[in-house]
Amino acid sequence: MSVAEQNLLSNKLVTARRAVANNDRTETQVNTHQRDIFRRISTKDICMLARQLATLLRAGLPLVPALSAIVEQLQDVPKRRIVRLGTQKHPLAEIMQQVADRVNAGSTLADALRKHQGVFSSLFVNMVAAGEESGTLEEILLRLAEMLEKRVHLASKVKSAVAYPAMMTVVAAGVVVFLLSFVVPSITQIFLEMNRALPWPTRLLIATSALIKTYFMLIAVVLFTACLGIGAWLRTKDGRLIADSFKLKLPLFGNLFLKLEIVRLTRTLGILLASGIPILRALEIAKGVIKNSFLAGALTAVKDSISKGDAIANAIRKTGLFPPIVFHVIATAQVSGNVEDGLINIADMYEGEVESTAKMLTSLLEPAILVVMGAVVGFIVLAILLPIFEINQIL
């Protein structure tokens, strides 16, 4: 090979390397853009996408035309604002267009979705890959849609059970602080000017009101700083682990949170195993579904035990975190060789329990908060009326 040919080959190699580097940089920029887009993409959107794609494939449409139809649908979304009539592009439209282009160029659907990890979870991608390998993609997509729908429904039930009492507590605390800061001082000032001995409820009310009114800004700053500090601590690994462990021990709510995580874990594992994904890989994927880091750590221990030859039921029993019925059902299902059905049965059972527990907590906490608020307001009214009654008796 001559020197000129060597130089030409070297230049071509340099150009190729630069092209690869530019493609990598472009890919990174696209992924960053997708992470920004993902902030506006909900689980409901992914669920809708899976169901629509499954419907198109089941109707006999090939994959690429089905993806193009999805993109066309996403590009023609009615605007939510009444003032701004017309249509707008859904945040998923650009992502699905890139997916359709990659599939049209010869990539598998799973590999195309894997390029958008900020949008499509490892669970979603691996189940799609299993569906493509087994030729049951539409069935897998329907399973995904049903699972995501149940997850959203169940999470909304738990959020409502937690959010409603929390909102009532905040409102009640705000009302009490307003009364003590602005209403009570103007009324109790009359009693102080009389220079008479006041009943102890009135003295306690006046002292509490004076404390809140004098140090209101300081108390607000301390509470705000404490909230920021706790939030920063919860973002650390140790802080989140301790908080998640404490969450499972909460009275009333701890059992609810545990059941919710069991539903997520067992349903995800059952669907993954039914899709043909090996148990160790399924456990790794299911670990990403678990919201509680304490339980996720236990799942790592389960995976290690199974990799050493232990049965899944025995590995779950060793953690000591799951109710006995969970590993007993799994052990029975192992004997019949149908672990995935056993896992899904557990998820169905606990899903019903989560919904009933959420309803019960909401029905119990609402009157309890009203009673506490009524007692506080009643004490304030009593503390104000007692001196008035005494004055009337003297007169």
Foldseek 3Di string as FASTA:
>chain_A
DDPVVVVVVVVVVVVVVVVVVVVVVVLVVVLVVLLVLQVVPDLLNLLVVLLQLLVCVVVPDDNLVSLVVVLVVQQFDFDPDPVDGGGHHHSCNVLSVQLSVVVVVPDQSLVSVVSRCSRAPPLRSLLCVLCVVVVNNSVSSNLSSVVSVLLVVLVVLQCCLPVVLVVLLVVLVVVLLCCLAPPLVVLCVVVVVVPDDADPLLVVSVVVSVVCNVCVVVVVVVVVVVVVVLVVQCPDPVSLLVVLVVQLVDPLRNVLLLLSQLLLQLLQQLSCVVSVHDNLVSLVRSLVRRPRVNVSVLSVQLSVCVVVPDDSLVSNVVSVSDDNVLSVLQVVCVVVPRNSVSSNVSSVVSSVVSNVSSVVSNVVSVVVSVVVSVVSVVSSVVSSCVVVVVVVVVD
